[in-house]
Protein backbone atom coordinates (compact mmCIF):
# COMPACT_ATOMS: atom_id res chain seq x y z
CA MET A 1 92.14 91.80 131.06
CA MET A 2 90.43 89.25 128.84
CA PRO A 3 91.72 87.13 125.95
CA LEU A 4 90.93 88.20 122.41
CA THR A 5 88.79 85.09 122.01
CA MET A 6 86.18 86.78 124.26
CA ALA A 7 85.67 89.73 121.87
CA ARG A 8 82.58 89.64 119.66
CA PRO A 9 82.58 90.05 115.88
CA GLY A 10 82.49 93.73 114.99
CA GLU A 11 84.10 94.78 118.27
CA THR A 12 87.29 96.85 118.25
CA VAL A 13 89.60 96.40 121.23
CA THR A 14 93.01 97.73 122.24
CA ILE A 15 95.76 95.20 122.98
CA ARG A 16 96.99 95.50 126.56
CA ARG A 17 99.34 92.51 126.85
CA ILE A 18 100.68 89.57 124.85
CA THR A 19 101.63 86.40 126.69
CA GLY A 20 103.72 83.40 125.66
CA ARG A 21 107.31 82.64 124.85
CA ASP A 22 109.55 85.23 123.26
CA GLU A 23 109.27 83.55 119.85
CA VAL A 24 105.47 83.66 119.98
CA ARG A 25 105.38 87.31 121.05
CA GLN A 26 107.89 88.20 118.32
CA HIS A 27 105.83 86.38 115.68
CA LEU A 28 102.65 88.18 116.74
CA ALA A 29 104.50 91.53 116.72
CA GLU A 30 105.66 90.85 113.15
CA LEU A 31 102.01 90.29 112.21
CA GLY A 32 101.11 93.68 113.69
CA PHE A 33 99.85 92.67 117.14
CA VAL A 34 101.58 95.13 119.45
CA VAL A 35 100.56 96.62 122.80
CA ASP A 36 98.29 99.70 122.60
CA SER A 37 97.26 99.00 118.99
CA PRO A 38 93.60 98.53 118.00
CA VAL A 39 92.32 95.21 116.65
CA THR A 40 88.87 94.57 115.18
CA VAL A 41 87.28 91.12 115.26
CA VAL A 42 85.83 90.68 111.77
CA ASN A 43 84.41 87.17 112.16
CA GLU A 44 84.73 83.90 114.03
CA ILE A 45 84.76 80.69 112.03
CA ALA A 46 85.11 77.26 113.68
CA GLY A 47 86.98 78.71 116.65
CA SER A 48 89.39 80.75 114.53
CA LEU A 49 89.23 84.54 114.48
CA ILE A 50 89.49 86.79 111.44
CA LEU A 51 91.08 90.02 112.69
CA GLN A 52 91.59 93.45 111.15
CA VAL A 53 95.05 94.69 112.14
CA LYS A 54 96.32 97.94 110.66
CA ASP A 55 95.70 97.60 106.89
CA GLY A 56 95.34 93.82 106.72
CA ARG A 57 93.25 90.91 107.85
CA ILE A 58 94.77 87.96 109.67
CA ALA A 59 93.30 84.65 110.79
CA LEU A 60 94.44 83.24 114.14
CA ASP A 61 93.42 80.00 115.78
CA SER A 62 91.86 80.22 119.23
CA GLN A 63 95.05 79.06 120.97
CA MET A 64 97.11 81.90 119.46
CA ALA A 65 94.32 84.47 119.90
CA SER A 66 94.02 83.59 123.59
CA ARG A 67 97.59 84.87 124.11
CA ILE A 68 96.48 88.39 123.14
CA LEU A 69 94.82 90.20 126.04
CA TYR A 70 92.71 93.34 125.98
């Protein structure tokens, strides 16, 4: 497994695991980041990732994105 920060723009990956404290995992789940769901990296700007999740786009900093493994 690799962190989401390793995915290239335009690449679609499937989430395999989410690490971190319960509060962090709950917050990411509320944003739509759940195991076995697809995520597309739209762009990377200054270390932050723009991600397509379900019907919306979300920006995550590299620290938060590194908790999502594919």
